[in-house]
Amino acid sequence: MRNVTVKELVDGCDLIVYSGKEFLETNKIETDDISRPDLELTGYFDYYPQKRVQVFGMTEISFSQRLTNENQDKVMQKLCTNETPCLVVARMLPIPESMAKAASENHIPILRTKSPTSRIASKITYFLQGQLAERQSLHGVLVDIYGLGVLITGDSGVGKSETALDLIKRGHRLIADDRVEVYKQDEMTVHGEPPKILRHLLEIRGVGIIDVMNLYGAGAVRSHAHISLIVHLENWSEDKQFDRLGSGEEKQEILGVTIPKITIPVKVGRNMAIIVEAAAMNYRAKTMGYDATKKFDENLNSLIKENSNHNR
């Protein structure tokens, strides 16, 4: 089972550690669901989701402060179980003494943030969904082209990394080379990121491994991206028919999500970086309602109609 340390949550969501710094690495989060204790503050713990991150906002803190000292101590002790990963307090609200005491005794970090409760709750959920999602490793190169995540695939040696390098020199950004870790952010979205060991690195045959961030700057890399398009590079073959008009629609499934795919033949003399860039821009134009293939068909039909009328 995948898990996230509280330390990773702190770094990923820009949280401030109020107490329990020594437990950030040991406490693990195993679910992307969060909890805002409400009935629990009244003493009802029959269905308390103790394994979730517990988020306290204005309502929870204000209600707890109205409890008697004795009841407040009892409630906070029950909230802080040995399976509770951490407590998060929004809006930099004051930490009740009973909460600080119970958390310390049960080795639970207390985290704070200036963000409103609903915003930090959404941010934590989004972060945990990405970190705890099912993952799959794919062979390919992931590049950000004008904000569009393009996964370049193809057989080994077809020129994926060289194409990516040319795209970087044209101002686009590398996300991952060789291995792309993909995960489903939601039912319709697949994201990709590099394995930690390959972050910012690109392998070019004959040159070796280069550090893209070091050579081209921070603007040449990105940590992750939503995969919108797959571009498959395939060696040119006279025996195979490649799509010339763009009317054929290929698809590929990744983790159950269907993603558009384009197959581009690789041949000596073709500038693959410019072609992949054009493919990405053309795909974006289609998503915005403009289809060059349909425009060509309309022009062709119009010309046929004109010639037919002329020959009458």
Protein backbone atom coordinates (compact mmCIF):
# COMPACT_ATOMS: atom_id res chain seq x y z
CA MET A 1 0.00 0.00 0.00
CA ARG A 2 1.31 3.41 -0.97
CA ASN A 3 1.69 6.04 1.72
CA VAL A 4 2.84 9.62 2.19
CA THR A 5 4.83 10.89 5.15
CA VAL A 6 3.61 13.96 7.01
CA LYS A 7 6.91 15.60 5.97
CA GLU A 8 5.93 15.18 2.30
CA LEU A 9 2.52 16.69 3.08
CA VAL A 10 4.17 19.67 4.76
CA ASP A 11 6.45 20.27 1.76
CA GLY A 12 3.75 19.64 -0.84
CA CYS A 13 1.11 21.90 0.72
CA ASP A 14 3.35 24.61 2.24
CA LEU A 15 2.26 23.89 5.81
CA ILE A 16 3.89 25.29 8.95
CA VAL A 17 4.97 22.88 11.67
CA TYR A 18 3.65 24.01 15.05
CA SER A 19 4.76 20.94 17.02
CA GLY A 20 5.82 17.31 16.57
CA LYS A 21 8.64 17.98 14.12
CA GLU A 22 10.34 14.76 15.25
CA PHE A 23 7.35 12.70 14.01
CA LEU A 24 7.10 14.10 10.47
CA GLU A 25 9.01 11.23 8.89
CA THR A 26 7.52 8.42 10.99
CA ASN A 27 3.82 9.26 10.69
CA LYS A 28 2.29 7.97 7.45
CA ILE A 29 -0.86 8.92 5.54
CA GLU A 30 -2.55 6.07 3.66
CA THR A 31 -5.79 7.65 2.42
CA ASP A 32 -6.57 10.77 0.40
CA ASP A 33 -9.76 11.37 2.39
CA ILE A 34 -9.60 14.05 5.06
CA SER A 35 -11.78 14.64 8.12
CA ARG A 36 -13.18 17.76 9.75
CA PRO A 37 -14.19 16.65 13.27
CA ASP A 38 -17.68 17.85 14.03
CA LEU A 39 -19.74 15.18 15.75
CA GLU A 40 -16.53 13.98 17.39
CA LEU A 41 -16.25 17.29 19.23
CA THR A 42 -19.62 16.52 20.84
CA GLY A 43 -18.25 13.20 22.07
CA TYR A 44 -19.62 10.90 19.33
CA PHE A 45 -16.75 8.66 18.18
CA ASP A 46 -18.58 5.55 16.91
CA TYR A 47 -17.50 6.20 13.29
CA TYR A 48 -14.42 8.34 13.81
CA PRO A 49 -12.11 8.12 10.72
CA GLN A 50 -8.92 8.11 12.77
CA LYS A 51 -6.55 7.31 9.88
CA ARG A 52 -7.35 10.54 8.03
CA VAL A 53 -5.69 13.94 8.23
CA GLN A 54 -7.79 15.92 10.72
CA VAL A 55 -8.50 19.50 9.60
CA PHE A 56 -9.68 22.17 12.05
CA GLY A 57 -11.21 25.45 10.93
CA MET A 58 -12.95 28.32 12.64
CA THR A 59 -16.04 26.21 13.43
CA GLU A 60 -14.10 23.35 15.04
CA ILE A 61 -11.73 25.53 17.06
CA SER A 62 -14.52 27.84 18.26
CA PHE A 63 -16.71 24.92 19.32
CA SER A 64 -13.87 23.18 21.16
CA GLN A 65 -13.13 26.37 23.11
CA ARG A 66 -16.70 26.38 24.43
CA LEU A 67 -16.28 22.97 26.00
CA THR A 68 -15.38 22.64 29.62
CA ASN A 69 -11.71 21.93 30.28
CA GLU A 70 -12.54 18.36 31.27
CA ASN A 71 -14.62 17.63 28.17
CA GLN A 72 -12.09 19.33 25.94
CA ASP A 73 -9.30 17.14 27.31
CA LYS A 74 -11.38 13.98 26.78
CA VAL A 75 -12.31 14.89 23.22
CA MET A 76 -8.76 15.79 22.21
CA GLN A 77 -7.38 12.57 23.70
CA LYS A 78 -9.88 10.56 21.65
CA LEU A 79 -9.08 12.55 18.50
CA CYS A 80 -5.35 11.84 18.87
CA THR A 81 -5.05 8.09 18.32
CA ASN A 82 -1.93 6.13 17.45
CA GLU A 83 -3.23 5.89 13.84
CA THR A 84 -3.94 9.61 13.36
CA PRO A 85 -1.19 11.01 11.08
CA CYS A 86 -1.49 14.73 11.86
CA LEU A 87 -3.72 17.66 12.78
CA VAL A 88 -4.01 20.69 10.49
CA VAL A 89 -5.29 24.03 11.78
CA ALA A 90 -6.41 26.59 9.19
CA ARG A 91 -6.32 30.42 9.23
CA MET A 92 -3.42 30.40 11.74
CA LEU A 93 -6.03 29.96 14.49
CA PRO A 94 -4.81 29.58 18.07
CA ILE A 95 -4.01 26.03 19.13
CA PRO A 96 -6.03 24.93 22.19
CA GLU A 97 -3.80 23.82 25.04
CA SER A 98 -5.66 20.51 25.31
CA MET A 99 -4.97 19.81 21.62
CA ALA A 100 -1.26 20.56 21.95
CA LYS A 101 -1.03 18.31 25.02
CA ALA A 102 -2.93 15.37 23.50
CA ALA A 103 -0.97 15.58 20.23
CA SER A 104 2.36 15.66 22.06
CA GLU A 105 1.47 12.66 24.21
CA ASN A 106 0.39 10.62 21.19
CA HIS A 107 3.25 11.68 18.86
CA ILE A 108 1.04 13.56 16.40
CA PRO A 109 2.36 16.67 14.57
CA ILE A 110 0.24 19.80 14.57
CA LEU A 111 0.45 21.79 11.33
CA ARG A 112 -0.80 25.30 10.59
CA THR A 113 -1.60 27.38 7.52
CA LYS A 114 -2.83 30.87 6.69
CA SER A 115 -5.24 29.44 4.10
CA PRO A 116 -9.00 29.26 4.70
CA THR A 117 -10.29 25.86 5.78
CA SER A 118 -12.04 24.89 2.53
CA ARG A 119 -9.01 25.90 0.46
CA ILE A 120 -6.46 23.94 2.48
CA ALA A 121 -8.81 20.95 2.62
CA SER A 122 -9.03 20.94 -1.20
CA LYS A 123 -5.28 21.43 -1.53
CA ILE A 124 -4.48 18.52 0.80
CA THR A 125 -6.99 16.25 -0.95
CA TYR A 126 -5.57 17.09 -4.40
CA PHE A 127 -2.01 16.50 -3.22
CA LEU A 128 -2.82 13.18 -1.56
CA GLN A 129 -4.81 11.95 -4.55
CA GLY A 130 -1.79 12.47 -6.76
CA GLN A 131 0.68 10.90 -4.33
CA LEU A 132 -1.45 7.88 -3.38
CA ALA A 133 -2.87 7.14 -6.84
CA GLU A 134 -2.09 3.92 -8.69
CA ARG A 135 1.07 4.38 -10.72
CA GLN A 136 2.40 2.90 -13.95
CA SER A 137 5.82 3.30 -15.52
CA LEU A 138 5.91 3.98 -19.27
CA HIS A 139 8.81 4.08 -21.71
CA GLY A 140 8.87 7.47 -23.39
CA VAL A 141 9.63 11.16 -23.05
CA LEU A 142 7.16 13.66 -21.59
CA VAL A 143 7.48 17.27 -22.76
CA ASP A 144 5.47 20.41 -22.06
CA ILE A 145 4.75 22.09 -25.40
CA TYR A 146 2.97 25.43 -24.99
CA GLY A 147 1.41 24.13 -21.77
CA LEU A 148 0.31 20.86 -23.38
CA GLY A 149 1.68 17.61 -21.93
CA VAL A 150 2.91 15.55 -24.90
CA LEU A 151 4.09 11.98 -24.35
CA ILE A 152 6.56 10.97 -27.06
CA THR A 153 6.77 7.19 -27.51
CA GLY A 154 8.51 4.84 -29.94
CA ASP A 155 11.05 2.07 -30.20
CA SER A 156 14.44 2.46 -28.56
CA GLY A 157 16.79 4.47 -30.77
CA VAL A 158 14.06 6.13 -32.85
CA GLY A 159 15.12 9.58 -31.60
CA LYS A 160 12.73 10.46 -28.76
CA SER A 161 15.36 12.07 -26.53
CA GLU A 162 16.99 13.92 -29.42
CA THR A 163 13.58 15.30 -30.41
CA ALA A 164 12.99 16.37 -26.81
CA LEU A 165 16.37 18.15 -26.72
CA ASP A 166 15.50 20.07 -29.88
CA LEU A 167 12.13 21.01 -28.36
CA ILE A 168 13.89 22.28 -25.21
CA LYS A 169 16.14 24.47 -27.36
CA ARG A 170 12.97 25.83 -28.98
CA GLY A 171 11.71 26.98 -25.57
CA HIS A 172 9.63 24.01 -24.43
CA ARG A 173 10.07 22.13 -21.14
CA LEU A 174 11.26 18.64 -20.26
CA ILE A 175 9.27 16.69 -17.69
CA ALA A 176 10.64 13.15 -17.96
CA ASP A 177 13.03 11.23 -20.20
CA ASP A 178 13.16 7.46 -20.73
CA ARG A 179 10.78 6.49 -17.89
CA VAL A 180 7.56 8.37 -17.17
CA GLU A 181 5.67 7.65 -13.96
CA VAL A 182 1.98 8.10 -14.76
CA TYR A 183 -0.93 8.26 -12.34
CA LYS A 184 -4.63 9.05 -12.58
CA GLN A 185 -5.50 12.35 -10.88
CA ASP A 186 -9.22 11.77 -11.48
CA GLU A 187 -11.46 9.72 -13.78
CA MET A 188 -10.61 11.84 -16.84
CA THR A 189 -7.04 12.99 -16.20
CA VAL A 190 -3.67 11.23 -16.31
CA HIS A 191 -0.56 13.01 -15.05
CA GLY A 192 3.07 12.15 -15.69
CA GLU A 193 6.24 12.87 -13.74
CA PRO A 194 9.86 11.63 -13.72
CA PRO A 195 11.27 9.06 -11.30
CA LYS A 196 13.32 10.91 -8.67
CA ILE A 197 16.58 9.42 -9.95
CA LEU A 198 15.96 10.79 -13.48
CA ARG A 199 14.59 14.23 -12.59
CA HIS A 200 15.85 16.96 -15.02
CA LEU A 201 18.12 14.42 -16.76
CA LEU A 202 18.20 13.57 -20.47
CA GLU A 203 20.21 10.81 -22.16
CA ILE A 204 21.66 11.51 -25.59
CA ARG A 205 23.45 8.64 -27.31
CA GLY A 206 27.07 9.52 -27.96
CA VAL A 207 27.01 12.37 -25.46
CA GLY A 208 25.72 10.67 -22.34
CA ILE A 209 23.49 12.02 -19.60
CA ILE A 210 22.99 15.79 -19.46
CA ASP A 211 21.37 17.90 -16.75
CA VAL A 212 18.79 20.00 -18.59
CA MET A 213 18.17 22.36 -15.67
CA ASN A 214 21.89 23.02 -15.27
CA LEU A 215 22.50 23.59 -18.98
CA TYR A 216 19.34 25.44 -20.02
CA GLY A 217 17.97 26.88 -16.77
CA ALA A 218 14.97 26.35 -14.51
CA GLY A 219 12.61 27.44 -17.29
CA ALA A 220 13.54 24.36 -19.34
CA VAL A 221 12.07 21.81 -16.92
CA ARG A 222 8.79 21.08 -15.19
CA SER A 223 7.97 18.65 -12.37
CA HIS A 224 4.77 17.11 -13.81
CA ALA A 225 2.06 17.60 -16.42
CA HIS A 226 -1.37 16.43 -17.49
CA ILE A 227 -0.87 14.11 -20.49
CA SER A 228 -3.09 15.50 -23.27
CA LEU A 229 -1.56 13.90 -26.37
CA ILE A 230 0.58 10.89 -27.30
CA VAL A 231 2.95 11.26 -30.28
CA HIS A 232 4.32 7.91 -31.43
CA LEU A 233 7.50 8.02 -33.53
CA GLU A 234 7.84 5.15 -35.98
CA ASN A 235 10.59 4.44 -38.50
CA TRP A 236 9.55 5.13 -42.07
CA SER A 237 8.48 2.09 -44.07
CA GLU A 238 7.23 2.06 -47.66
CA ASP A 239 5.06 -0.93 -46.79
CA LYS A 240 3.03 1.03 -44.25
CA GLN A 241 0.41 3.65 -44.99
CA PHE A 242 0.67 6.69 -42.74
CA ASP A 243 -2.16 9.19 -42.25
CA ARG A 244 -1.62 12.12 -44.62
CA LEU A 245 -4.74 14.20 -44.03
CA GLY A 246 -5.14 13.81 -40.28
CA SER A 247 -8.59 12.27 -40.64
CA GLY A 248 -7.68 9.06 -38.82
CA GLU A 249 -8.16 9.23 -35.06
CA GLU A 250 -5.98 6.95 -32.96
CA LYS A 251 -6.50 6.47 -29.23
CA GLN A 252 -4.51 4.85 -26.45
CA GLU A 253 -5.64 3.96 -22.95
CA ILE A 254 -3.49 4.74 -19.92
CA LEU A 255 -4.87 3.62 -16.56
CA GLY A 256 -8.33 3.45 -18.09
CA VAL A 257 -8.22 7.00 -19.51
CA THR A 258 -8.41 7.36 -23.30
CA ILE A 259 -5.84 9.77 -24.76
CA PRO A 260 -5.57 10.93 -28.42
CA LYS A 261 -2.58 9.50 -30.29
CA ILE A 262 -0.72 10.55 -33.44
CA THR A 263 1.77 8.33 -35.29
CA ILE A 264 4.56 10.23 -37.07
CA PRO A 265 7.01 8.51 -39.43
CA VAL A 266 10.70 9.16 -38.82
CA LYS A 267 12.87 9.61 -41.90
CA VAL A 268 16.25 11.18 -42.63
CA GLY A 269 15.87 14.89 -43.29
CA ARG A 270 12.65 15.37 -41.31
CA ASN A 271 12.88 17.86 -38.45
CA MET A 272 11.00 15.88 -35.82
CA ALA A 273 10.96 18.64 -33.21
CA ILE A 274 9.15 21.06 -35.52
CA ILE A 275 6.73 18.31 -36.61
CA VAL A 276 5.92 17.31 -33.01
CA GLU A 277 5.49 20.98 -32.09
CA ALA A 278 3.12 21.45 -35.05
CA ALA A 279 1.21 18.30 -34.07
CA ALA A 280 0.70 19.67 -30.55
CA MET A 281 -0.44 23.07 -31.86
CA ASN A 282 -2.80 21.41 -34.35
CA TYR A 283 -4.29 19.26 -31.59
CA ARG A 284 -4.86 22.35 -29.46
CA ALA A 285 -6.56 24.07 -32.41
CA LYS A 286 -8.90 21.08 -32.74
CA THR A 287 -9.84 21.24 -29.07
CA MET A 288 -10.66 24.92 -29.62
CA GLY A 289 -13.00 24.09 -32.50
CA TYR A 290 -10.79 24.53 -35.57
CA ASP A 291 -10.08 21.39 -37.65
CA ALA A 292 -7.80 21.91 -40.68
CA THR A 293 -8.86 18.54 -42.15
CA LYS A 294 -12.52 19.59 -42.13
CA LYS A 295 -11.53 22.91 -43.66
CA PHE A 296 -9.72 21.05 -46.46
CA ASP A 297 -12.78 18.85 -47.05
CA GLU A 298 -15.01 21.93 -47.21
CA ASN A 299 -12.67 23.61 -49.69
CA LEU A 300 -12.51 20.43 -51.79
CA ASN A 301 -16.29 20.01 -51.86
CA SER A 302 -16.69 23.67 -52.74
CA LEU A 303 -14.22 23.31 -55.64
CA ILE A 304 -15.98 20.18 -56.93
CA LYS A 305 -19.30 22.00 -56.80
CA GLU A 306 -17.89 25.00 -58.68
CA ASN A 307 -16.40 22.78 -61.39
CA SER A 308 -19.66 20.86 -61.71
CA ASN A 309 -21.63 24.08 -62.20
CA HIS A 310 -19.04 25.36 -64.69
CA ASN A 311 -19.24 22.21 -66.84
CA ARG A 312 -23.01 22.35 -67.16
